[in-house]
């Protein structure tokens, strides 16, 4: 097995997908935890199902296929819910609760060590933050917008 530097040097000559197929360079596997967020009282749940979260992960795997990254997600075990009006109403850095939202989002992410945590929140106003969690709307909502 070659070391990382050897893999980098080989990338200049051979496509990465060929190197993986030959077992020359390791693939980076990123475990994912998807979380459906809703308000504290259970209202306004994000419109996402475990299957739809899997579709998002499949799309990410397609996008990152040539990079050597693989997002590992099992909708039966890597999908959960969270009651948090604070995170469910996250908007952007101009939000008066921004620091608290980012702090709590990072606390939630820390509950799943070794995993990329993806928060699916309710409707408009949910943006991707520059923090350890990604905030996203549902698949249907995103498809409707774009």
C-alpha atoms as a PDB file:
ATOM      1  CA  UNK A   1       0.000   0.000   0.000  1.00  0.00           C
ATOM      2  CA  UNK A   2       1.324   3.424  -0.908  1.00  0.00           C
ATOM      3  CA  UNK A   3       1.474   6.334   1.495  1.00  0.00           C
ATOM      4  CA  UNK A   4      -0.521   9.541   1.057  1.00  0.00           C
ATOM      5  CA  UNK A   5       2.316  11.391  -0.687  1.00  0.00           C
ATOM      6  CA  UNK A   6       2.635   8.566  -3.210  1.00  0.00           C
ATOM      7  CA  UNK A   7      -1.106   8.804  -3.881  1.00  0.00           C
ATOM      8  CA  UNK A   8      -0.845  12.552  -4.418  1.00  0.00           C
ATOM      9  CA  UNK A   9       2.008  12.057  -6.882  1.00  0.00           C
ATOM     10  CA  UNK A  10       0.102   9.313  -8.718  1.00  0.00           C
ATOM     11  CA  UNK A  11      -2.876  11.655  -9.080  1.00  0.00           C
ATOM     12  CA  UNK A  12      -0.828  13.647 -11.528  1.00  0.00           C
ATOM     13  CA  UNK A  13      -0.672  10.614 -13.797  1.00  0.00           C
ATOM     14  CA  UNK A  14      -3.772   8.473 -13.195  1.00  0.00           C
ATOM     15  CA  UNK A  15      -7.417   9.370 -12.487  1.00  0.00           C
ATOM     16  CA  UNK A  16      -8.299   8.955  -8.824  1.00  0.00           C
ATOM     17  CA  UNK A  17     -11.175   6.576  -9.554  1.00  0.00           C
ATOM     18  CA  UNK A  18      -8.738   4.202 -11.253  1.00  0.00           C
ATOM     19  CA  UNK A  19      -6.389   4.309  -8.265  1.00  0.00           C
ATOM     20  CA  UNK A  20      -9.257   3.360  -5.897  1.00  0.00           C
ATOM     21  CA  UNK A  21     -10.373   0.544  -8.167  1.00  0.00           C
ATOM     22  CA  UNK A  22      -6.825  -0.805  -8.107  1.00  0.00           C
ATOM     23  CA  UNK A  23      -6.673  -0.426  -4.319  1.00  0.00           C
ATOM     24  CA  UNK A  24      -3.687   1.908  -4.548  1.00  0.00           C
ATOM     25  CA  UNK A  25      -5.074   4.935  -2.676  1.00  0.00           C
ATOM     26  CA  UNK A  26      -7.483   4.839   0.259  1.00  0.00           C
ATOM     27  CA  UNK A  27     -10.915   6.383  -0.003  1.00  0.00           C
ATOM     28  CA  UNK A  28     -11.953   8.860   2.701  1.00  0.00           C
ATOM     29  CA  UNK A  29     -15.188   7.647   4.310  1.00  0.00           C
ATOM     30  CA  UNK A  30     -17.214  10.295   6.148  1.00  0.00           C
ATOM     31  CA  UNK A  31     -19.963   8.945   8.438  1.00  0.00           C
ATOM     32  CA  UNK A  32     -23.073  11.155   8.402  1.00  0.00           C
ATOM     33  CA  UNK A  33     -25.734  11.773  11.052  1.00  0.00           C
ATOM     34  CA  UNK A  34     -28.890  13.437   9.700  1.00  0.00           C
ATOM     35  CA  UNK A  35     -31.139  15.250  12.170  1.00  0.00           C
ATOM     36  CA  UNK A  36     -34.695  16.391  11.500  1.00  0.00           C
ATOM     37  CA  UNK A  37     -35.213  19.544  13.582  1.00  0.00           C
ATOM     38  CA  UNK A  38     -38.585  20.749  14.859  1.00  0.00           C
ATOM     39  CA  UNK A  39     -39.747  23.359  17.366  1.00  0.00           C
ATOM     40  CA  UNK A  40     -39.616  22.670  21.108  1.00  0.00           C
ATOM     41  CA  UNK A  41     -43.325  21.737  21.072  1.00  0.00           C
ATOM     42  CA  UNK A  42     -42.892  19.360  18.109  1.00  0.00           C
ATOM     43  CA  UNK A  43     -44.397  21.841  15.660  1.00  0.00           C
ATOM     44  CA  UNK A  44     -42.927  22.866  12.295  1.00  0.00           C
ATOM     45  CA  UNK A  45     -40.862  19.715  11.709  1.00  0.00           C
ATOM     46  CA  UNK A  46     -38.472  19.874   8.780  1.00  0.00           C
ATOM     47  CA  UNK A  47     -40.028  18.260   5.745  1.00  0.00           C
ATOM     48  CA  UNK A  48     -37.522  15.444   5.465  1.00  0.00           C
ATOM     49  CA  UNK A  49     -37.729  11.680   5.715  1.00  0.00           C
ATOM     50  CA  UNK A  50     -34.891   9.218   6.258  1.00  0.00           C
ATOM     51  CA  UNK A  51     -35.228   8.253   2.588  1.00  0.00           C
ATOM     52  CA  UNK A  52     -34.958  11.876   1.439  1.00  0.00           C
ATOM     53  CA  UNK A  53     -31.897  12.370   3.637  1.00  0.00           C
ATOM     54  CA  UNK A  54     -30.459   9.333   1.861  1.00  0.00           C
ATOM     55  CA  UNK A  55     -31.155  11.023  -1.479  1.00  0.00           C
ATOM     56  CA  UNK A  56     -29.181  14.073  -0.317  1.00  0.00           C
ATOM     57  CA  UNK A  57     -26.287  11.820   0.694  1.00  0.00           C
ATOM     58  CA  UNK A  58     -26.449   9.963  -2.630  1.00  0.00           C
ATOM     59  CA  UNK A  59     -26.233  13.294  -4.446  1.00  0.00           C
ATOM     60  CA  UNK A  60     -23.270  14.360  -2.297  1.00  0.00           C
ATOM     61  CA  UNK A  61     -21.552  11.077  -3.157  1.00  0.00           C
ATOM     62  CA  UNK A  62     -22.104  11.771  -6.857  1.00  0.00           C
ATOM     63  CA  UNK A  63     -20.711  15.295  -6.545  1.00  0.00           C
ATOM     64  CA  UNK A  64     -17.657  14.218  -4.553  1.00  0.00           C
ATOM     65  CA  UNK A  65     -17.013  10.919  -6.375  1.00  0.00           C
ATOM     66  CA  UNK A  66     -13.796  12.079  -8.003  1.00  0.00           C
ATOM     67  CA  UNK A  67     -12.429  13.560  -4.750  1.00  0.00           C
ATOM     68  CA  UNK A  68     -12.034  10.244  -2.996  1.00  0.00           C
ATOM     69  CA  UNK A  69     -14.674  11.077  -0.397  1.00  0.00           C
ATOM     70  CA  UNK A  70     -17.583   8.784   0.422  1.00  0.00           C
ATOM     71  CA  UNK A  71     -20.412   9.878   2.708  1.00  0.00           C
ATOM     72  CA  UNK A  72     -21.665   6.859   4.632  1.00  0.00           C
ATOM     73  CA  UNK A  73     -25.323   7.010   5.691  1.00  0.00           C
ATOM     74  CA  UNK A  74     -27.843   4.363   6.714  1.00  0.00           C
ATOM     75  CA  UNK A  75     -31.362   5.857   6.963  1.00  0.00           C
ATOM     76  CA  UNK A  76     -32.306   3.222   9.561  1.00  0.00           C
ATOM     77  CA  UNK A  77     -29.575   4.124  12.053  1.00  0.00           C
ATOM     78  CA  UNK A  78     -28.155   7.531  11.066  1.00  0.00           C
ATOM     79  CA  UNK A  79     -31.356   9.607  11.151  1.00  0.00           C
ATOM     80  CA  UNK A  80     -32.819  11.140  14.289  1.00  0.00           C
ATOM     81  CA  UNK A  81     -34.997  14.042  15.427  1.00  0.00           C
ATOM     82  CA  UNK A  82     -34.321  17.040  17.650  1.00  0.00           C
ATOM     83  CA  UNK A  83     -36.749  19.443  19.306  1.00  0.00           C
ATOM     84  CA  UNK A  84     -35.146  22.881  19.222  1.00  0.00           C
ATOM     85  CA  UNK A  85     -36.979  26.030  18.241  1.00  0.00           C
ATOM     86  CA  UNK A  86     -33.626  27.802  18.478  1.00  0.00           C
ATOM     87  CA  UNK A  87     -32.044  25.733  15.682  1.00  0.00           C
ATOM     88  CA  UNK A  88     -35.284  25.385  13.747  1.00  0.00           C
ATOM     89  CA  UNK A  89     -35.489  29.170  13.316  1.00  0.00           C
ATOM     90  CA  UNK A  90     -31.791  29.758  12.561  1.00  0.00           C
ATOM     91  CA  UNK A  91     -31.394  32.343   9.826  1.00  0.00           C
ATOM     92  CA  UNK A  92     -27.980  33.930   9.342  1.00  0.00           C
ATOM     93  CA  UNK A  93     -25.225  35.845  11.124  1.00  0.00           C
ATOM     94  CA  UNK A  94     -27.502  38.904  11.431  1.00  0.00           C
ATOM     95  CA  UNK A  95     -29.881  36.875  13.624  1.00  0.00           C
ATOM     96  CA  UNK A  96     -29.923  38.191  17.209  1.00  0.00           C
ATOM     97  CA  UNK A  97     -29.543  34.590  18.446  1.00  0.00           C
ATOM     98  CA  UNK A  98     -26.722  33.703  16.044  1.00  0.00           C
ATOM     99  CA  UNK A  99     -24.006  33.081  18.640  1.00  0.00           C
ATOM    100  CA  UNK A 100     -26.363  30.951  20.757  1.00  0.00           C
ATOM    101  CA  UNK A 101     -27.569  29.057  17.653  1.00  0.00           C
ATOM    102  CA  UNK A 102     -24.035  28.243  16.515  1.00  0.00           C
ATOM    103  CA  UNK A 103     -22.990  27.268  20.035  1.00  0.00           C
ATOM    104  CA  UNK A 104     -25.963  24.937  20.502  1.00  0.00           C
ATOM    105  CA  UNK A 105     -25.540  23.529  16.978  1.00  0.00           C
ATOM    106  CA  UNK A 106     -21.938  22.680  17.814  1.00  0.00           C
ATOM    107  CA  UNK A 107     -23.087  21.034  21.068  1.00  0.00           C
ATOM    108  CA  UNK A 108     -25.497  18.890  19.070  1.00  0.00           C
ATOM    109  CA  UNK A 109     -22.762  17.978  16.570  1.00  0.00           C
ATOM    110  CA  UNK A 110     -20.468  16.978  19.453  1.00  0.00           C
ATOM    111  CA  UNK A 111     -23.036  14.324  20.483  1.00  0.00           C
ATOM    112  CA  UNK A 112     -22.038  12.388  17.362  1.00  0.00           C
ATOM    113  CA  UNK A 113     -18.239  12.186  17.488  1.00  0.00           C
ATOM    114  CA  UNK A 114     -16.596  11.181  14.240  1.00  0.00           C
ATOM    115  CA  UNK A 115     -19.671  12.045  12.172  1.00  0.00           C
ATOM    116  CA  UNK A 116     -20.599  14.906   9.887  1.00  0.00           C
ATOM    117  CA  UNK A 117     -23.856  16.184  11.372  1.00  0.00           C
ATOM    118  CA  UNK A 118     -26.455  17.556   8.953  1.00  0.00           C
ATOM    119  CA  UNK A 119     -29.360  19.501  10.456  1.00  0.00           C
ATOM    120  CA  UNK A 120     -32.556  19.668   8.416  1.00  0.00           C
ATOM    121  CA  UNK A 121     -34.661  22.559   9.681  1.00  0.00           C
ATOM    122  CA  UNK A 122     -38.046  23.997   8.822  1.00  0.00           C
ATOM    123  CA  UNK A 123     -38.611  26.079   5.738  1.00  0.00           C
ATOM    124  CA  UNK A 124     -37.303  29.485   4.672  1.00  0.00           C
ATOM    125  CA  UNK A 125     -34.560  31.121   6.618  1.00  0.00           C
ATOM    126  CA  UNK A 126     -32.329  28.089   7.091  1.00  0.00           C
ATOM    127  CA  UNK A 127     -28.913  28.815   5.655  1.00  0.00           C
ATOM    128  CA  UNK A 128     -25.593  27.022   5.714  1.00  0.00           C
ATOM    129  CA  UNK A 129     -23.512  28.441   8.555  1.00  0.00           C
ATOM    130  CA  UNK A 130     -19.773  28.533   8.872  1.00  0.00           C
ATOM    131  CA  UNK A 131     -19.683  26.151  11.784  1.00  0.00           C
ATOM    132  CA  UNK A 132     -19.387  22.440  12.435  1.00  0.00           C
ATOM    133  CA  UNK A 133     -22.918  21.726  11.336  1.00  0.00           C
ATOM    134  CA  UNK A 134     -24.699  22.239   8.018  1.00  0.00           C
ATOM    135  CA  UNK A 135     -28.250  23.577   8.042  1.00  0.00           C
ATOM    136  CA  UNK A 136     -30.425  22.578   5.109  1.00  0.00           C
ATOM    137  CA  UNK A 137     -34.036  22.670   3.988  1.00  0.00           C
ATOM    138  CA  UNK A 138     -35.955  19.663   2.737  1.00  0.00           C
ATOM    139  CA  UNK A 139     -35.334  18.090  -0.649  1.00  0.00           C
ATOM    140  CA  UNK A 140     -38.785  19.088  -1.947  1.00  0.00           C
ATOM    141  CA  UNK A 141     -38.303  22.712  -0.845  1.00  0.00           C
ATOM    142  CA  UNK A 142     -34.898  22.937  -2.456  1.00  0.00           C
ATOM    143  CA  UNK A 143     -36.130  21.411  -5.717  1.00  0.00           C
ATOM    144  CA  UNK A 144     -39.001  23.905  -5.792  1.00  0.00           C
ATOM    145  CA  UNK A 145     -36.596  26.839  -5.410  1.00  0.00           C
ATOM    146  CA  UNK A 146     -34.105  25.693  -8.008  1.00  0.00           C
END
